[in-house]
C-alpha atoms as a PDB file:
ATOM      1  CA  MET A   1     -18.942  13.693  27.504  1.00  0.00           C
ATOM      2  CA  ALA A   2     -15.473  12.437  26.604  1.00  0.00           C
ATOM      3  CA  LYS A   3     -12.873  14.500  24.798  1.00  0.00           C
ATOM      4  CA  GLY A   4     -13.510  14.677  21.091  1.00  0.00           C
ATOM      5  CA  GLY A   5     -17.220  15.346  21.479  1.00  0.00           C
ATOM      6  CA  PHE A   6     -18.624  11.786  21.432  1.00  0.00           C
ATOM      7  CA  SER A   7     -19.452   9.474  24.263  1.00  0.00           C
ATOM      8  CA  GLY A   8     -17.723   6.094  24.181  1.00  0.00           C
ATOM      9  CA  ARG A   9     -21.038   4.376  23.529  1.00  0.00           C
ATOM     10  CA  MET A  10     -21.887   6.445  20.465  1.00  0.00           C
ATOM     11  CA  SER A  11     -18.478   6.256  18.827  1.00  0.00           C
ATOM     12  CA  GLY A  12     -18.325   2.478  19.399  1.00  0.00           C
ATOM     13  CA  GLY A  13     -21.676   2.067  17.671  1.00  0.00           C
ATOM     14  CA  MET A  14     -20.573   4.200  14.756  1.00  0.00           C
ATOM     15  CA  ASN A  15     -17.381   2.179  14.376  1.00  0.00           C
ATOM     16  CA  MET A  16     -19.287  -1.120  14.316  1.00  0.00           C
ATOM     17  CA  ASN A  17     -21.605   0.284  11.648  1.00  0.00           C
ATOM     18  CA  MET A  18     -18.617   1.388   9.573  1.00  0.00           C
ATOM     19  CA  ILE A  19     -16.991  -2.025   9.978  1.00  0.00           C
ATOM     20  CA  LYS A  20     -20.188  -3.767   8.861  1.00  0.00           C
ATOM     21  CA  GLN A  21     -20.446  -1.469   5.837  1.00  0.00           C
ATOM     22  CA  ALA A  22     -16.812  -2.111   4.930  1.00  0.00           C
ATOM     23  CA  GLN A  23     -17.314  -5.873   5.253  1.00  0.00           C
ATOM     24  CA  LYS A  24     -20.414  -5.733   3.052  1.00  0.00           C
ATOM     25  CA  MET A  25     -18.536  -3.663   0.462  1.00  0.00           C
ATOM     26  CA  GLN A  26     -15.685  -6.168   0.518  1.00  0.00           C
ATOM     27  CA  GLN A  27     -18.091  -9.079   0.005  1.00  0.00           C
ATOM     28  CA  ASP A  28     -19.839  -7.220  -2.817  1.00  0.00           C
ATOM     29  CA  MET A  29     -16.499  -6.429  -4.446  1.00  0.00           C
ATOM     30  CA  LEU A  30     -15.410 -10.060  -4.301  1.00  0.00           C
ATOM     31  CA  ARG A  31     -18.732 -11.233  -5.733  1.00  0.00           C
ATOM     32  CA  MET A  32     -18.612  -8.685  -8.555  1.00  0.00           C
ATOM     33  CA  GLN A  33     -14.966  -9.486  -9.288  1.00  0.00           C
ATOM     34  CA  GLN A  34     -15.861 -13.168  -9.530  1.00  0.00           C
ATOM     35  CA  GLU A  35     -18.724 -12.375 -11.912  1.00  0.00           C
ATOM     36  CA  VAL A  36     -16.439 -10.368 -14.203  1.00  0.00           C
ATOM     37  CA  GLU A  37     -13.757 -13.084 -14.068  1.00  0.00           C
ATOM     38  CA  GLU A  38     -16.305 -15.614 -15.340  1.00  0.00           C
ATOM     39  CA  LYS A  39     -17.244 -13.496 -18.361  1.00  0.00           C
ATOM     40  CA  THR A  40     -15.535 -13.628 -21.725  1.00  0.00           C
ATOM     41  CA  PHE A  41     -14.509 -10.685 -23.864  1.00  0.00           C
ATOM     42  CA  SER A  42     -13.815 -10.855 -27.595  1.00  0.00           C
ATOM     43  CA  ALA A  43     -12.237  -8.456 -30.037  1.00  0.00           C
ATOM     44  CA  THR A  44     -11.294  -8.586 -33.692  1.00  0.00           C
ATOM     45  CA  ALA A  45      -8.512  -6.981 -35.694  1.00  0.00           C
ATOM     46  CA  GLY A  46      -7.437  -6.846 -39.300  1.00  0.00           C
ATOM     47  CA  GLY A  47     -10.968  -6.367 -40.552  1.00  0.00           C
ATOM     48  CA  GLY A  48     -12.132  -9.479 -38.714  1.00  0.00           C
ATOM     49  CA  MET A  49      -9.248 -11.658 -39.866  1.00  0.00           C
ATOM     50  CA  VAL A  50      -8.277 -12.365 -36.252  1.00  0.00           C
ATOM     51  CA  GLU A  51     -10.562 -12.765 -33.233  1.00  0.00           C
ATOM     52  CA  ALA A  52      -9.281 -13.143 -29.689  1.00  0.00           C
ATOM     53  CA  THR A  53     -11.336 -14.142 -26.661  1.00  0.00           C
ATOM     54  CA  VAL A  54     -10.148 -13.635 -23.088  1.00  0.00           C
ATOM     55  CA  THR A  55     -11.711 -14.182 -19.694  1.00  0.00           C
ATOM     56  CA  GLY A  56     -12.098 -11.612 -16.955  1.00  0.00           C
ATOM     57  CA  LYS A  57      -9.094 -13.358 -15.384  1.00  0.00           C
ATOM     58  CA  ARG A  58      -7.109 -12.048 -18.366  1.00  0.00           C
ATOM     59  CA  GLU A  59      -6.541 -15.497 -19.866  1.00  0.00           C
ATOM     60  CA  LEU A  60      -6.591 -16.009 -23.614  1.00  0.00           C
ATOM     61  CA  THR A  61      -9.110 -18.802 -24.208  1.00  0.00           C
ATOM     62  CA  GLU A  62      -9.641 -18.693 -27.947  1.00  0.00           C
ATOM     63  CA  LEU A  63      -7.865 -17.360 -30.998  1.00  0.00           C
ATOM     64  CA  LYS A  64      -9.467 -17.557 -34.423  1.00  0.00           C
ATOM     65  CA  ILE A  65      -7.480 -16.753 -37.548  1.00  0.00           C
ATOM     66  CA  ASP A  66      -9.198 -16.519 -40.908  1.00  0.00           C
ATOM     67  CA  PRO A  67      -7.434 -18.871 -43.359  1.00  0.00           C
ATOM     68  CA  ASP A  68      -7.128 -15.968 -45.812  1.00  0.00           C
ATOM     69  CA  ALA A  69      -4.842 -14.245 -43.300  1.00  0.00           C
ATOM     70  CA  VAL A  70      -2.202 -16.948 -43.712  1.00  0.00           C
ATOM     71  CA  VAL A  71      -2.107 -17.142 -47.501  1.00  0.00           C
ATOM     72  CA  ASP A  72       1.630 -16.566 -47.990  1.00  0.00           C
ATOM     73  CA  MET A  73       3.535 -17.248 -44.786  1.00  0.00           C
ATOM     74  CA  THR A  74       6.800 -17.497 -46.719  1.00  0.00           C
ATOM     75  CA  ASP A  75       6.843 -13.691 -46.918  1.00  0.00           C
ATOM     76  CA  PRO A  76       8.334 -12.290 -43.676  1.00  0.00           C
ATOM     77  CA  GLU A  77       6.236  -9.122 -44.035  1.00  0.00           C
ATOM     78  CA  ASP A  78       3.036 -11.204 -44.052  1.00  0.00           C
ATOM     79  CA  VAL A  79       4.155 -13.047 -40.918  1.00  0.00           C
ATOM     80  CA  GLU A  80       4.921  -9.766 -39.162  1.00  0.00           C
ATOM     81  CA  MET A  81       1.548  -8.316 -40.186  1.00  0.00           C
ATOM     82  CA  LEU A  82      -0.272 -11.396 -38.859  1.00  0.00           C
ATOM     83  CA  GLN A  83       1.644 -11.182 -35.579  1.00  0.00           C
ATOM     84  CA  ASP A  84       0.705  -7.508 -35.217  1.00  0.00           C
ATOM     85  CA  THR A  85      -2.933  -8.300 -35.988  1.00  0.00           C
ATOM     86  CA  ILE A  86      -2.997 -11.048 -33.353  1.00  0.00           C
ATOM     87  CA  LEU A  87      -1.460  -8.725 -30.783  1.00  0.00           C
ATOM     88  CA  ALA A  88      -4.003  -6.025 -31.594  1.00  0.00           C
ATOM     89  CA  ALA A  89      -6.948  -8.404 -31.162  1.00  0.00           C
ATOM     90  CA  VAL A  90      -5.632  -9.859 -27.896  1.00  0.00           C
ATOM     91  CA  ASN A  91      -4.812  -6.449 -26.443  1.00  0.00           C
ATOM     92  CA  GLU A  92      -8.234  -5.063 -27.342  1.00  0.00           C
ATOM     93  CA  ALA A  93      -9.975  -8.033 -25.724  1.00  0.00           C
ATOM     94  CA  LEU A  94      -7.859  -7.492 -22.593  1.00  0.00           C
ATOM     95  CA  ARG A  95      -8.781  -3.779 -22.593  1.00  0.00           C
ATOM     96  CA  LYS A  96     -12.453  -4.731 -22.724  1.00  0.00           C
ATOM     97  CA  ALA A  97     -12.019  -7.047 -19.737  1.00  0.00           C
ATOM     98  CA  GLU A  98     -10.147  -4.383 -17.782  1.00  0.00           C
ATOM     99  CA  SER A  99     -12.744  -1.756 -18.638  1.00  0.00           C
ATOM    100  CA  GLU A 100     -15.535  -4.034 -17.416  1.00  0.00           C
ATOM    101  CA  MET A 101     -13.691  -4.676 -14.150  1.00  0.00           C
ATOM    102  CA  SER A 102     -13.023  -0.966 -13.611  1.00  0.00           C
ATOM    103  CA  GLY A 103     -16.600  -0.014 -14.435  1.00  0.00           C
ATOM    104  CA  THR A 104     -18.006  -2.647 -12.133  1.00  0.00           C
ATOM    105  CA  MET A 105     -15.789  -1.564  -9.248  1.00  0.00           C
ATOM    106  CA  ALA A 106     -16.609   2.115  -9.862  1.00  0.00           C
ATOM    107  CA  LYS A 107     -20.321   1.349  -9.552  1.00  0.00           C
ATOM    108  CA  LEU A 108     -19.752  -0.375  -6.243  1.00  0.00           C
ATOM    109  CA  THR A 109     -17.390   2.192  -4.760  1.00  0.00           C
ATOM    110  CA  GLY A 110     -19.233   5.244  -6.050  1.00  0.00           C
ATOM    111  CA  GLY A 111     -16.237   6.306  -8.136  1.00  0.00           C
ATOM    112  CA  MET A 112     -13.681   6.123  -5.314  1.00  0.00           C
ATOM    113  CA  ASN A 113     -10.348   4.992  -6.721  1.00  0.00           C
ATOM    114  CA  PHE A 114      -8.904   1.966  -4.935  1.00  0.00           C
ATOM    115  CA  GLY A 115      -6.401   1.115  -7.670  1.00  0.00           C
ATOM    116  CA  PHE A 116      -8.495  -1.479  -9.515  1.00  0.00           C
END
């Protein structure tokens, strides 16, 4: 028996098995990432006055603004409130996308943190 307690034949077989498992995990991760990237995530803010939709790729694809939200755009405070509402809706939709990606990766990796 070689130093370290394993024969060369056994350790080589174990390494190939580990490599195959790692390759399968990588393929699964890529597939799952692609699936999440194809999904859309929506969120509303301002009591539903603004709705933002993003993809899993973190791209804003749709923004709906209720006409009642833009009643008096001559008032700077109304403009600022609408801007804040839009930001809140977009950021919440992005959080949903990120949460889905993290949850999906956690399922695959068994909770190991790889920085996703």
